[in-house]
PDB file of N, CA and C in Angstrom:
ATOM      1  N   UNK A   1     -34.575   1.624 -20.738  1.00  0.00           N
ATOM      2  CA  UNK A   1     -35.421   1.667 -19.572  1.00  0.00           C
ATOM      3  C   UNK A   1     -36.786   2.161 -20.025  1.00  0.00           C
ATOM      4  N   UNK A   2     -37.815   1.472 -19.657  1.00  0.00           N
ATOM      5  CA  UNK A   2     -39.191   1.832 -19.991  1.00  0.00           C
ATOM      6  C   UNK A   2     -39.940   2.191 -18.714  1.00  0.00           C
ATOM      7  N   UNK A   3     -40.773   3.218 -18.804  1.00  0.00           N
ATOM      8  CA  UNK A   3     -41.613   3.583 -17.664  1.00  0.00           C
ATOM      9  C   UNK A   3     -43.038   3.789 -18.143  1.00  0.00           C
ATOM     10  N   UNK A   4     -43.965   3.482 -17.296  1.00  0.00           N
ATOM     11  CA  UNK A   4     -45.382   3.737 -17.591  1.00  0.00           C
ATOM     12  C   UNK A   4     -45.715   5.125 -17.065  1.00  0.00           C
ATOM     13  N   UNK A   5     -46.818   5.701 -17.537  1.00  0.00           N
ATOM     14  CA  UNK A   5     -47.193   7.052 -17.115  1.00  0.00           C
ATOM     15  C   UNK A   5     -47.392   7.152 -15.610  1.00  0.00           C
ATOM     16  N   UNK A   6     -48.172   6.259 -15.058  1.00  0.00           N
ATOM     17  CA  UNK A   6     -48.501   6.353 -13.641  1.00  0.00           C
ATOM     18  C   UNK A   6     -47.693   5.384 -12.783  1.00  0.00           C
ATOM     19  N   UNK A   7     -46.922   4.549 -13.412  1.00  0.00           N
ATOM     20  CA  UNK A   7     -46.176   3.534 -12.664  1.00  0.00           C
ATOM     21  C   UNK A   7     -44.683   3.839 -12.691  1.00  0.00           C
ATOM     22  N   UNK A   8     -43.938   2.978 -12.095  1.00  0.00           N
ATOM     23  CA  UNK A   8     -42.485   3.126 -12.077  1.00  0.00           C
ATOM     24  C   UNK A   8     -41.847   2.383 -13.231  1.00  0.00           C
ATOM     25  N   UNK A   9     -40.708   1.872 -13.002  1.00  0.00           N
ATOM     26  CA  UNK A   9     -39.930   1.161 -14.003  1.00  0.00           C
ATOM     27  C   UNK A   9     -40.628  -0.129 -14.419  1.00  0.00           C
ATOM     28  N   UNK A  10     -40.772  -0.332 -15.726  1.00  0.00           N
ATOM     29  CA  UNK A  10     -41.384  -1.547 -16.251  1.00  0.00           C
ATOM     30  C   UNK A  10     -40.300  -2.557 -16.630  1.00  0.00           C
ATOM     31  N   UNK A  11     -39.269  -2.069 -17.299  1.00  0.00           N
ATOM     32  CA  UNK A  11     -38.239  -2.967 -17.800  1.00  0.00           C
ATOM     33  C   UNK A  11     -36.900  -2.241 -17.838  1.00  0.00           C
ATOM     34  N   UNK A  12     -35.834  -2.967 -17.555  1.00  0.00           N
ATOM     35  CA  UNK A  12     -34.484  -2.424 -17.642  1.00  0.00           C
ATOM     36  C   UNK A  12     -33.590  -3.497 -18.236  1.00  0.00           C
ATOM     37  N   UNK A  13     -32.764  -3.106 -19.203  1.00  0.00           N
ATOM     38  CA  UNK A  13     -31.903  -4.075 -19.869  1.00  0.00           C
ATOM     39  C   UNK A  13     -30.548  -3.429 -20.115  1.00  0.00           C
ATOM     40  N   UNK A  14     -29.479  -4.066 -19.645  1.00  0.00           N
ATOM     41  CA  UNK A  14     -28.122  -3.560 -19.870  1.00  0.00           C
ATOM     42  C   UNK A  14     -27.658  -4.042 -21.234  1.00  0.00           C
ATOM     43  N   UNK A  15     -27.231  -3.107 -22.071  1.00  0.00           N
ATOM     44  CA  UNK A  15     -26.779  -3.444 -23.420  1.00  0.00           C
ATOM     45  C   UNK A  15     -25.255  -3.447 -23.485  1.00  0.00           C
ATOM     46  N   UNK A  16     -24.624  -2.438 -22.902  1.00  0.00           N
ATOM     47  CA  UNK A  16     -23.164  -2.381 -22.861  1.00  0.00           C
ATOM     48  C   UNK A  16     -22.728  -1.395 -21.787  1.00  0.00           C
ATOM     49  N   UNK A  17     -21.454  -1.355 -21.536  1.00  0.00           N
ATOM     50  CA  UNK A  17     -20.883  -0.396 -20.584  1.00  0.00           C
ATOM     51  C   UNK A  17     -19.588   0.124 -21.197  1.00  0.00           C
ATOM     52  N   UNK A  18     -19.408   1.447 -21.175  1.00  0.00           N
ATOM     53  CA  UNK A  18     -18.192   2.047 -21.709  1.00  0.00           C
ATOM     54  C   UNK A  18     -17.665   3.104 -20.749  1.00  0.00           C
ATOM     55  N   UNK A  19     -16.378   3.330 -20.834  1.00  0.00           N
ATOM     56  CA  UNK A  19     -15.723   4.431 -20.125  1.00  0.00           C
ATOM     57  C   UNK A  19     -14.587   4.897 -21.018  1.00  0.00           C
ATOM     58  N   UNK A  20     -14.527   6.189 -21.281  1.00  0.00           N
ATOM     59  CA  UNK A  20     -13.524   6.736 -22.192  1.00  0.00           C
ATOM     60  C   UNK A  20     -12.768   7.860 -21.517  1.00  0.00           C
ATOM     61  N   UNK A  21     -11.477   7.912 -21.795  1.00  0.00           N
ATOM     62  CA  UNK A  21     -10.622   8.997 -21.312  1.00  0.00           C
ATOM     63  C   UNK A  21      -9.839   9.527 -22.504  1.00  0.00           C
ATOM     64  N   UNK A  22      -9.971  10.819 -22.778  1.00  0.00           N
ATOM     65  CA  UNK A  22      -9.250  11.470 -23.869  1.00  0.00           C
ATOM     66  C   UNK A  22      -8.072  12.219 -23.263  1.00  0.00           C
ATOM     67  N   UNK A  23      -6.900  12.110 -23.907  1.00  0.00           N
ATOM     68  CA  UNK A  23      -5.700  12.716 -23.338  1.00  0.00           C
ATOM     69  C   UNK A  23      -4.855  13.378 -24.418  1.00  0.00           C
ATOM     70  N   UNK A  24      -4.003  14.280 -23.981  1.00  0.00           N
ATOM     71  CA  UNK A  24      -2.952  14.815 -24.831  1.00  0.00           C
ATOM     72  C   UNK A  24      -1.716  14.997 -23.968  1.00  0.00           C
ATOM     73  N   UNK A  25      -0.573  14.736 -24.588  1.00  0.00           N
ATOM     74  CA  UNK A  25       0.713  14.844 -23.900  1.00  0.00           C
ATOM     75  C   UNK A  25       1.596  15.733 -24.766  1.00  0.00           C
ATOM     76  N   UNK A  26       1.912  16.900 -24.257  1.00  0.00           N
ATOM     77  CA  UNK A  26       2.731  17.818 -25.036  1.00  0.00           C
ATOM     78  C   UNK A  26       2.001  18.279 -26.284  1.00  0.00           C
ATOM     79  N   UNK A  27       2.785  18.580 -27.325  1.00  0.00           N
ATOM     80  CA  UNK A  27       2.210  19.095 -28.568  1.00  0.00           C
ATOM     81  C   UNK A  27       1.987  18.012 -29.619  1.00  0.00           C
ATOM     82  N   UNK A  28       2.542  16.810 -29.393  1.00  0.00           N
ATOM     83  CA  UNK A  28       2.535  15.808 -30.455  1.00  0.00           C
ATOM     84  C   UNK A  28       1.738  14.545 -30.163  1.00  0.00           C
ATOM     85  N   UNK A  29       1.399  14.274 -28.931  1.00  0.00           N
ATOM     86  CA  UNK A  29       0.780  13.005 -28.596  1.00  0.00           C
ATOM     87  C   UNK A  29      -0.614  13.211 -28.011  1.00  0.00           C
ATOM     88  N   UNK A  30      -1.574  12.464 -28.543  1.00  0.00           N
ATOM     89  CA  UNK A  30      -2.939  12.554 -28.051  1.00  0.00           C
ATOM     90  C   UNK A  30      -3.649  11.244 -28.374  1.00  0.00           C
ATOM     91  N   UNK A  31      -4.776  11.027 -27.750  1.00  0.00           N
ATOM     92  CA  UNK A  31      -5.523   9.812 -28.039  1.00  0.00           C
ATOM     93  C   UNK A  31      -6.700   9.649 -27.117  1.00  0.00           C
ATOM     94  N   UNK A  32      -7.323   8.503 -27.234  1.00  0.00           N
ATOM     95  CA  UNK A  32      -8.457   8.146 -26.384  1.00  0.00           C
ATOM     96  C   UNK A  32      -8.320   6.676 -26.015  1.00  0.00           C
ATOM     97  N   UNK A  33      -8.597   6.370 -24.766  1.00  0.00           N
ATOM     98  CA  UNK A  33      -8.593   4.998 -24.288  1.00  0.00           C
ATOM     99  C   UNK A  33     -10.021   4.689 -23.844  1.00  0.00           C
ATOM    100  N   UNK A  34     -10.562   3.598 -24.358  1.00  0.00           N
ATOM    101  CA  UNK A  34     -11.934   3.218 -24.037  1.00  0.00           C
ATOM    102  C   UNK A  34     -11.973   1.812 -23.464  1.00  0.00           C
ATOM    103  N   UNK A  35     -12.648   1.660 -22.352  1.00  0.00           N
ATOM    104  CA  UNK A  35     -12.955   0.329 -21.794  1.00  0.00           C
ATOM    105  C   UNK A  35     -14.389   0.024 -22.221  1.00  0.00           C
ATOM    106  N   UNK A  36     -14.615  -1.169 -22.749  1.00  0.00           N
ATOM    107  CA  UNK A  36     -15.918  -1.498 -23.323  1.00  0.00           C
ATOM    108  C   UNK A  36     -16.275  -2.945 -23.019  1.00  0.00           C
ATOM    109  N   UNK A  37     -17.486  -3.160 -22.533  1.00  0.00           N
ATOM    110  CA  UNK A  37     -18.032  -4.507 -22.329  1.00  0.00           C
ATOM    111  C   UNK A  37     -19.373  -4.549 -23.050  1.00  0.00           C
ATOM    112  N   UNK A  38     -19.541  -5.538 -23.942  1.00  0.00           N
ATOM    113  CA  UNK A  38     -20.754  -5.638 -24.747  1.00  0.00           C
ATOM    114  C   UNK A  38     -21.644  -6.768 -24.245  1.00  0.00           C
ATOM    115  N   UNK A  39     -22.921  -6.588 -24.392  1.00  0.00           N
ATOM    116  CA  UNK A  39     -23.878  -7.638 -24.109  1.00  0.00           C
ATOM    117  C   UNK A  39     -24.339  -7.681 -22.669  1.00  0.00           C
ATOM    118  N   UNK A  40     -25.096  -8.719 -22.337  1.00  0.00           N
ATOM    119  CA  UNK A  40     -25.666  -8.840 -20.995  1.00  0.00           C
ATOM    120  C   UNK A  40     -24.610  -8.924 -19.894  1.00  0.00           C
ATOM    121  N   UNK A  41     -23.374  -9.371 -20.242  1.00  0.00           N
ATOM    122  CA  UNK A  41     -22.302  -9.442 -19.247  1.00  0.00           C
ATOM    123  C   UNK A  41     -21.946  -8.064 -18.690  1.00  0.00           C
ATOM    124  N   UNK A  42     -22.302  -7.009 -19.426  1.00  0.00           N
ATOM    125  CA  UNK A  42     -21.994  -5.648 -18.988  1.00  0.00           C
ATOM    126  C   UNK A  42     -22.632  -5.333 -17.635  1.00  0.00           C
ATOM    127  N   UNK A  43     -23.733  -6.003 -17.320  1.00  0.00           N
ATOM    128  CA  UNK A  43     -24.396  -5.773 -16.033  1.00  0.00           C
ATOM    129  C   UNK A  43     -23.516  -6.209 -14.867  1.00  0.00           C
ATOM    130  N   UNK A  44     -22.543  -7.067 -15.130  1.00  0.00           N
ATOM    131  CA  UNK A  44     -21.642  -7.550 -14.084  1.00  0.00           C
ATOM    132  C   UNK A  44     -20.461  -6.620 -13.839  1.00  0.00           C
ATOM    133  N   UNK A  45     -20.335  -5.551 -14.636  1.00  0.00           N
ATOM    134  CA  UNK A  45     -19.198  -4.642 -14.527  1.00  0.00           C
ATOM    135  C   UNK A  45     -19.654  -3.271 -14.052  1.00  0.00           C
ATOM    136  N   UNK A  46     -18.827  -2.680 -13.232  1.00  0.00           N
ATOM    137  CA  UNK A  46     -19.077  -1.329 -12.743  1.00  0.00           C
ATOM    138  C   UNK A  46     -17.750  -0.593 -12.751  1.00  0.00           C
ATOM    139  N   UNK A  47     -17.543   0.255 -13.750  1.00  0.00           N
ATOM    140  CA  UNK A  47     -16.312   1.034 -13.820  1.00  0.00           C
ATOM    141  C   UNK A  47     -16.612   2.420 -14.353  1.00  0.00           C
ATOM    142  N   UNK A  48     -15.676   3.318 -14.143  1.00  0.00           N
ATOM    143  CA  UNK A  48     -15.803   4.707 -14.580  1.00  0.00           C
ATOM    144  C   UNK A  48     -14.637   5.034 -15.501  1.00  0.00           C
ATOM    145  N   UNK A  49     -14.510   6.293 -15.868  1.00  0.00           N
ATOM    146  CA  UNK A  49     -13.376   6.703 -16.700  1.00  0.00           C
ATOM    147  C   UNK A  49     -12.062   6.557 -15.944  1.00  0.00           C
ATOM    148  N   UNK A  50     -12.126   6.266 -14.649  1.00  0.00           N
ATOM    149  CA  UNK A  50     -10.909   5.996 -13.887  1.00  0.00           C
ATOM    150  C   UNK A  50     -10.175   4.765 -14.386  1.00  0.00           C
ATOM    151  N   UNK A  51     -10.876   3.818 -14.994  1.00  0.00           N
ATOM    152  CA  UNK A  51     -10.227   2.616 -15.523  1.00  0.00           C
ATOM    153  C   UNK A  51      -9.296   2.951 -16.684  1.00  0.00           C
ATOM    154  N   UNK A  52      -9.738   3.672 -17.728  1.00  0.00           N
ATOM    155  CA  UNK A  52      -8.792   4.040 -18.780  1.00  0.00           C
ATOM    156  C   UNK A  52      -7.681   4.964 -18.288  1.00  0.00           C
ATOM    157  N   UNK A  53      -7.964   5.785 -17.288  1.00  0.00           N
ATOM    158  CA  UNK A  53      -6.913   6.640 -16.712  1.00  0.00           C
ATOM    159  C   UNK A  53      -5.827   5.759 -16.098  1.00  0.00           C
ATOM    160  N   UNK A  54      -6.226   4.707 -15.395  1.00  0.00           N
ATOM    161  CA  UNK A  54      -5.252   3.799 -14.796  1.00  0.00           C
ATOM    162  C   UNK A  54      -4.441   3.082 -15.876  1.00  0.00           C
ATOM    163  N   UNK A  55      -5.078   2.737 -16.982  1.00  0.00           N
ATOM    164  CA  UNK A  55      -4.358   2.122 -18.099  1.00  0.00           C
ATOM    165  C   UNK A  55      -3.280   3.083 -18.608  1.00  0.00           C
ATOM    166  N   UNK A  56      -3.632   4.359 -18.756  1.00  0.00           N
ATOM    167  CA  UNK A  56      -2.655   5.349 -19.210  1.00  0.00           C
ATOM    168  C   UNK A  56      -1.524   5.503 -18.198  1.00  0.00           C
ATOM    169  N   UNK A  57      -1.847   5.502 -16.912  1.00  0.00           N
ATOM    170  CA  UNK A  57      -0.805   5.562 -15.879  1.00  0.00           C
ATOM    171  C   UNK A  57       0.146   4.376 -16.004  1.00  0.00           C
ATOM    172  N   UNK A  58      -0.408   3.187 -16.231  1.00  0.00           N
ATOM    173  CA  UNK A  58       0.435   2.001 -16.371  1.00  0.00           C
ATOM    174  C   UNK A  58       1.303   2.057 -17.619  1.00  0.00           C
ATOM    175  N   UNK A  59       0.848   2.762 -18.643  1.00  0.00           N
ATOM    176  CA  UNK A  59       1.624   2.894 -19.873  1.00  0.00           C
ATOM    177  C   UNK A  59       2.665   4.014 -19.807  1.00  0.00           C
ATOM    178  N   UNK A  60       2.603   4.873 -18.796  1.00  0.00           N
ATOM    179  CA  UNK A  60       3.491   6.030 -18.707  1.00  0.00           C
ATOM    180  C   UNK A  60       4.970   5.667 -18.843  1.00  0.00           C
ATOM    181  N   UNK A  61       5.477   4.633 -18.162  1.00  0.00           N
ATOM    182  CA  UNK A  61       6.901   4.308 -18.331  1.00  0.00           C
ATOM    183  C   UNK A  61       7.251   3.903 -19.766  1.00  0.00           C
ATOM    184  N   UNK A  62       6.314   3.297 -20.469  1.00  0.00           N
ATOM    185  CA  UNK A  62       6.555   2.906 -21.855  1.00  0.00           C
ATOM    186  C   UNK A  62       6.473   4.106 -22.790  1.00  0.00           C
ATOM    187  N   UNK A  63       5.563   5.033 -22.511  1.00  0.00           N
ATOM    188  CA  UNK A  63       5.384   6.205 -23.364  1.00  0.00           C
ATOM    189  C   UNK A  63       6.446   7.271 -23.152  1.00  0.00           C
ATOM    190  N   UNK A  64       7.026   7.331 -21.970  1.00  0.00           N
ATOM    191  CA  UNK A  64       7.975   8.394 -21.629  1.00  0.00           C
ATOM    192  C   UNK A  64       9.125   8.516 -22.621  1.00  0.00           C
ATOM    193  N   UNK A  65       9.789   7.431 -23.030  1.00  0.00           N
ATOM    194  CA  UNK A  65      10.887   7.594 -23.996  1.00  0.00           C
ATOM    195  C   UNK A  65      10.423   8.160 -25.328  1.00  0.00           C
ATOM    196  N   UNK A  66       9.196   7.885 -25.726  1.00  0.00           N
ATOM    197  CA  UNK A  66       8.678   8.448 -26.972  1.00  0.00           C
ATOM    198  C   UNK A  66       8.457   9.940 -26.857  1.00  0.00           C
ATOM    199  N   UNK A  67       8.079  10.397 -25.675  1.00  0.00           N
ATOM    200  CA  UNK A  67       7.760  11.808 -25.477  1.00  0.00           C
ATOM    201  C   UNK A  67       9.025  12.638 -25.307  1.00  0.00           C
ATOM    202  N   UNK A  68       9.919  12.221 -24.413  1.00  0.00           N
ATOM    203  CA  UNK A  68      11.101  13.046 -24.130  1.00  0.00           C
ATOM    204  C   UNK A  68      12.400  12.266 -24.014  1.00  0.00           C
ATOM    205  N   UNK A  69      12.327  10.969 -24.056  1.00  0.00           N
ATOM    206  CA  UNK A  69      13.531  10.185 -23.857  1.00  0.00           C
ATOM    207  C   UNK A  69      13.866  10.019 -22.384  1.00  0.00           C
ATOM    208  N   UNK A  70      12.929  10.343 -21.500  1.00  0.00           N
ATOM    209  CA  UNK A  70      13.150  10.229 -20.057  1.00  0.00           C
ATOM    210  C   UNK A  70      11.933   9.586 -19.420  1.00  0.00           C
ATOM    211  N   UNK A  71      12.049   9.222 -18.157  1.00  0.00           N
ATOM    212  CA  UNK A  71      10.925   8.641 -17.449  1.00  0.00           C
ATOM    213  C   UNK A  71       9.893   9.719 -17.127  1.00  0.00           C
ATOM    214  N   UNK A  72       8.631   9.319 -17.136  1.00  0.00           N
ATOM    215  CA  UNK A  72       7.542  10.245 -16.827  1.00  0.00           C
ATOM    216  C   UNK A  72       6.607   9.608 -15.824  1.00  0.00           C
ATOM    217  N   UNK A  73       5.904  10.455 -15.080  1.00  0.00           N
ATOM    218  CA  UNK A  73       4.950   9.992 -14.085  1.00  0.00           C
ATOM    219  C   UNK A  73       3.637  10.716 -14.323  1.00  0.00           C
ATOM    220  N   UNK A  74       2.537   9.987 -14.366  1.00  0.00           N
ATOM    221  CA  UNK A  74       1.223  10.609 -14.529  1.00  0.00           C
ATOM    222  C   UNK A  74       0.667  10.946 -13.160  1.00  0.00           C
ATOM    223  N   UNK A  75       0.197  12.167 -13.000  1.00  0.00           N
ATOM    224  CA  UNK A  75      -0.361  12.589 -11.724  1.00  0.00           C
ATOM    225  C   UNK A  75      -1.732  13.202 -11.962  1.00  0.00           C
ATOM    226  N   UNK A  76      -2.759  12.772 -11.219  1.00  0.00           N
ATOM    227  CA  UNK A  76      -4.086  13.364 -11.383  1.00  0.00           C
ATOM    228  C   UNK A  76      -4.145  14.726 -10.709  1.00  0.00           C
ATOM    229  N   UNK A  77      -5.160  15.493 -11.063  1.00  0.00           N
ATOM    230  CA  UNK A  77      -5.360  16.754 -10.361  1.00  0.00           C
ATOM    231  C   UNK A  77      -5.737  16.445  -8.910  1.00  0.00           C
ATOM    232  N   UNK A  78      -5.797  17.463  -8.073  1.00  0.00           N
ATOM    233  CA  UNK A  78      -6.026  17.245  -6.641  1.00  0.00           C
ATOM    234  C   UNK A  78      -7.370  16.604  -6.340  1.00  0.00           C
ATOM    235  N   UNK A  79      -8.381  16.819  -7.174  1.00  0.00           N
ATOM    236  CA  UNK A  79      -9.688  16.207  -6.950  1.00  0.00           C
ATOM    237  C   UNK A  79      -9.721  14.744  -7.341  1.00  0.00           C
ATOM    238  N   UNK A  80      -8.778  14.316  -8.175  1.00  0.00           N
ATOM    239  CA  UNK A  80      -8.716  12.930  -8.580  1.00  0.00           C
ATOM    240  C   UNK A  80      -9.620  12.568  -9.738  1.00  0.00           C
ATOM    241  N   UNK A  81     -10.430  13.518 -10.220  1.00  0.00           N
ATOM    242  CA  UNK A  81     -11.363  13.193 -11.294  1.00  0.00           C
ATOM    243  C   UNK A  81     -11.105  13.992 -12.564  1.00  0.00           C
ATOM    244  N   UNK A  82     -10.200  14.920 -12.501  1.00  0.00           N
ATOM    245  CA  UNK A  82      -9.990  15.792 -13.642  1.00  0.00           C
ATOM    246  C   UNK A  82      -8.850  15.329 -14.526  1.00  0.00           C
ATOM    247  N   UNK A  83      -8.201  16.282 -15.204  1.00  0.00           N
ATOM    248  CA  UNK A  83      -7.149  15.931 -16.143  1.00  0.00           C
ATOM    249  C   UNK A  83      -5.957  15.283 -15.448  1.00  0.00           C
ATOM    250  N   UNK A  84      -5.206  14.532 -16.217  1.00  0.00           N
ATOM    251  CA  UNK A  84      -4.007  13.876 -15.723  1.00  0.00           C
ATOM    252  C   UNK A  84      -2.822  14.504 -16.429  1.00  0.00           C
ATOM    253  N   UNK A  85      -1.834  14.944 -15.663  1.00  0.00           N
ATOM    254  CA  UNK A  85      -0.641  15.543 -16.233  1.00  0.00           C
ATOM    255  C   UNK A  85       0.485  14.535 -16.253  1.00  0.00           C
ATOM    256  N   UNK A  86       1.264  14.546 -17.326  1.00  0.00           N
ATOM    257  CA  UNK A  86       2.447  13.717 -17.371  1.00  0.00           C
ATOM    258  C   UNK A  86       3.601  14.610 -16.939  1.00  0.00           C
ATOM    259  N   UNK A  87       4.130  14.361 -15.754  1.00  0.00           N
ATOM    260  CA  UNK A  87       5.234  15.154 -15.231  1.00  0.00           C
ATOM    261  C   UNK A  87       6.501  14.738 -15.951  1.00  0.00           C
ATOM    262  N   UNK A  88       7.086  15.657 -16.688  1.00  0.00           N
ATOM    263  CA  UNK A  88       8.283  15.369 -17.461  1.00  0.00           C
ATOM    264  C   UNK A  88       9.440  16.212 -16.955  1.00  0.00           C
ATOM    265  N   UNK A  89      10.658  15.694 -17.028  1.00  0.00           N
ATOM    266  CA  UNK A  89      11.792  16.494 -16.612  1.00  0.00           C
ATOM    267  C   UNK A  89      11.984  17.667 -17.566  1.00  0.00           C
ATOM    268  N   UNK A  90      12.550  18.778 -17.082  1.00  0.00           N
ATOM    269  CA  UNK A  90      12.741  19.924 -17.967  1.00  0.00           C
ATOM    270  C   UNK A  90      13.733  19.595 -19.080  1.00  0.00           C
ATOM    271  N   UNK A  91      13.517  20.208 -20.238  1.00  0.00           N
ATOM    272  CA  UNK A  91      14.408  20.008 -21.377  1.00  0.00           C
ATOM    273  C   UNK A  91      15.615  20.919 -21.204  1.00  0.00           C
ATOM    274  N   UNK A  92      16.816  20.350 -21.381  1.00  0.00           N
ATOM    275  CA  UNK A  92      18.035  21.155 -21.271  1.00  0.00           C
ATOM    276  C   UNK A  92      18.078  22.154 -22.420  1.00  0.00           C
ATOM    277  N   UNK A  93      18.721  23.290 -22.171  1.00  0.00           N
ATOM    278  CA  UNK A  93      18.713  24.366 -23.145  1.00  0.00           C
ATOM    279  C   UNK A  93      19.304  23.933 -24.491  1.00  0.00           C
ATOM    280  N   UNK A  94      20.391  23.155 -24.484  1.00  0.00           N
ATOM    281  CA  UNK A  94      20.994  22.736 -25.750  1.00  0.00           C
ATOM    282  C   UNK A  94      20.102  21.761 -26.505  1.00  0.00           C
ATOM    283  N   UNK A  95      19.227  21.012 -25.796  1.00  0.00           N
ATOM    284  CA  UNK A  95      18.300  20.106 -26.452  1.00  0.00           C
ATOM    285  C   UNK A  95      17.134  20.881 -27.067  1.00  0.00           C
ATOM    286  N   UNK A  96      16.794  22.008 -26.477  1.00  0.00           N
ATOM    287  CA  UNK A  96      15.647  22.794 -26.920  1.00  0.00           C
ATOM    288  C   UNK A  96      15.976  23.644 -28.146  1.00  0.00           C
ATOM    289  N   UNK A  97      17.238  23.925 -28.373  1.00  0.00           N
ATOM    290  CA  UNK A  97      17.590  24.801 -29.494  1.00  0.00           C
ATOM    291  C   UNK A  97      17.401  24.062 -30.814  1.00  0.00           C
ATOM    292  N   UNK A  98      17.123  24.819 -31.857  1.00  0.00           N
ATOM    293  CA  UNK A  98      16.890  24.236 -33.163  1.00  0.00           C
ATOM    294  C   UNK A  98      18.219  23.881 -33.821  1.00  0.00           C
ATOM    295  N   UNK A  99      18.257  22.802 -34.606  1.00  0.00           N
ATOM    296  CA  UNK A  99      19.498  22.446 -35.292  1.00  0.00           C
ATOM    297  C   UNK A  99      19.863  23.480 -36.339  1.00  0.00           C
ATOM    298  N   UNK A 100      21.150  23.599 -36.585  1.00  0.00           N
ATOM    299  CA  UNK A 100      21.614  24.609 -37.562  1.00  0.00           C
ATOM    300  C   UNK A 100      21.614  24.069 -38.951  1.00  0.00           C
TER     301      UNK A 100
END
């Protein structure tokens, strides 16, 4: 975006659009999901970090067996814009104990 000293906007050009969501699940799983549109077509898209969050929500049933061997549900905080928790069932005591 270019502006002149006494004037308003001279030129505006969309180069790309990105939205990234960084997550961690438990002690072993973490990552980042990025939505990216390159070039002038980016002007046709309007999205926020809510898009990668939705991708992670859609992946929750697939990721759950890797995390605990059970189904998991992703739930946003009450404001809807903050961290997302993966609600997991509690680990049974015999599963939590260390092998002998």
